[in-house]
């Protein structure tokens, strides 16, 4: 049994088509984790799906998105030392 705790950071924009399946798969994981979603002004219902979940949803302007800087936002607020970045 692995007792590691991880922070999962996922930047999103207009990801409603796969978000429910992704969230379900992550809930099934036995590894203790926190989920940090950084959304860049989705306009397809992604934020509506995410706001119903117990996760850390950070909203940024799409003009502020930058691959490195956006992931660093997740790093700055992560509570665990091990991070997993997903796209």
Protein backbone atom coordinates (compact mmCIF):
# COMPACT_ATOMS: atom_id res chain seq x y z
CA UNK A 1 0.00 0.00 0.00
CA UNK A 2 1.37 3.39 -0.99
CA UNK A 3 0.81 6.15 1.54
CA UNK A 4 2.03 8.98 -0.66
CA UNK A 5 -0.15 12.06 -1.03
CA UNK A 6 -0.11 13.99 -4.30
CA UNK A 7 -1.42 17.21 -5.76
CA UNK A 8 -2.87 16.84 -9.25
CA UNK A 9 -2.81 20.02 -11.32
CA UNK A 10 -4.86 20.23 -14.51
CA UNK A 11 -5.12 23.35 -16.67
CA UNK A 12 -8.37 23.38 -18.65
CA UNK A 13 -10.25 25.33 -21.27
CA UNK A 14 -13.49 24.06 -22.80
CA UNK A 15 -13.03 20.52 -21.50
CA UNK A 16 -16.63 19.64 -20.65
CA UNK A 17 -16.68 16.69 -23.07
CA UNK A 18 -14.17 14.67 -21.06
CA UNK A 19 -14.31 16.25 -17.58
CA UNK A 20 -17.02 14.02 -16.05
CA UNK A 21 -15.15 10.83 -17.02
CA UNK A 22 -11.83 12.25 -15.82
CA UNK A 23 -13.28 13.28 -12.45
CA UNK A 24 -14.88 9.86 -12.01
CA UNK A 25 -11.60 8.10 -12.80
CA UNK A 26 -9.70 10.30 -10.34
CA UNK A 27 -12.26 9.61 -7.59
CA UNK A 28 -11.60 5.89 -8.02
CA UNK A 29 -7.91 6.29 -7.31
CA UNK A 30 -6.72 4.91 -3.99
CA UNK A 31 -3.79 7.31 -3.74
CA UNK A 32 -4.73 10.23 -1.51
CA UNK A 33 -4.76 13.40 -3.59
CA UNK A 34 -5.99 16.91 -3.96
CA UNK A 35 -7.21 18.13 -7.31
CA UNK A 36 -6.35 21.60 -8.53
CA UNK A 37 -8.03 22.74 -11.75
CA UNK A 38 -6.93 25.98 -13.38
CA UNK A 39 -9.53 27.02 -15.93
CA UNK A 40 -8.93 29.65 -18.61
CA UNK A 41 -12.43 31.07 -19.13
CA UNK A 42 -14.17 27.97 -20.45
CA UNK A 43 -17.45 28.84 -22.13
CA UNK A 44 -18.75 25.32 -22.77
CA UNK A 45 -20.00 24.39 -19.29
CA UNK A 46 -16.67 23.12 -17.94
CA UNK A 47 -16.79 25.50 -14.99
CA UNK A 48 -20.37 24.46 -14.19
CA UNK A 49 -19.26 20.81 -13.95
CA UNK A 50 -16.21 21.70 -11.86
CA UNK A 51 -18.07 23.95 -9.43
CA UNK A 52 -20.20 20.98 -8.36
CA UNK A 53 -17.11 19.04 -7.24
CA UNK A 54 -14.98 19.21 -4.12
CA UNK A 55 -11.81 20.51 -5.69
CA UNK A 56 -9.71 23.61 -5.88
CA UNK A 57 -10.95 25.53 -8.94
CA UNK A 58 -8.84 28.50 -9.94
CA UNK A 59 -10.23 30.74 -12.68
CA UNK A 60 -7.88 32.79 -14.82
CA UNK A 61 -8.39 34.92 -17.90
CA UNK A 62 -7.58 33.12 -21.12
CA UNK A 63 -5.18 35.96 -21.95
CA UNK A 64 -3.24 35.11 -18.76
CA UNK A 65 -2.74 31.46 -19.73
CA UNK A 66 0.86 30.41 -20.19
CA UNK A 67 1.95 26.77 -19.99
CA UNK A 68 4.67 27.36 -17.40
CA UNK A 69 3.08 30.16 -15.40
CA UNK A 70 -0.29 28.41 -15.20
CA UNK A 71 1.32 25.24 -13.85
CA UNK A 72 3.29 27.35 -11.37
CA UNK A 73 -0.03 28.64 -10.00
CA UNK A 74 -0.86 25.03 -9.17
CA UNK A 75 2.57 24.51 -7.64
CA UNK A 76 2.15 27.58 -5.44
CA UNK A 77 -1.14 26.38 -3.92
CA UNK A 78 -0.42 22.64 -3.79
CA UNK A 79 -0.39 21.25 -0.28
CA UNK A 80 1.60 18.10 -1.07
CA UNK A 81 5.25 17.79 -2.09
CA UNK A 82 4.58 15.48 -5.02
CA UNK A 83 2.76 16.99 -8.01
CA UNK A 84 1.22 15.35 -11.03
CA UNK A 85 0.54 17.62 -13.99
CA UNK A 86 -2.12 16.51 -16.45
CA UNK A 87 -3.51 18.08 -19.60
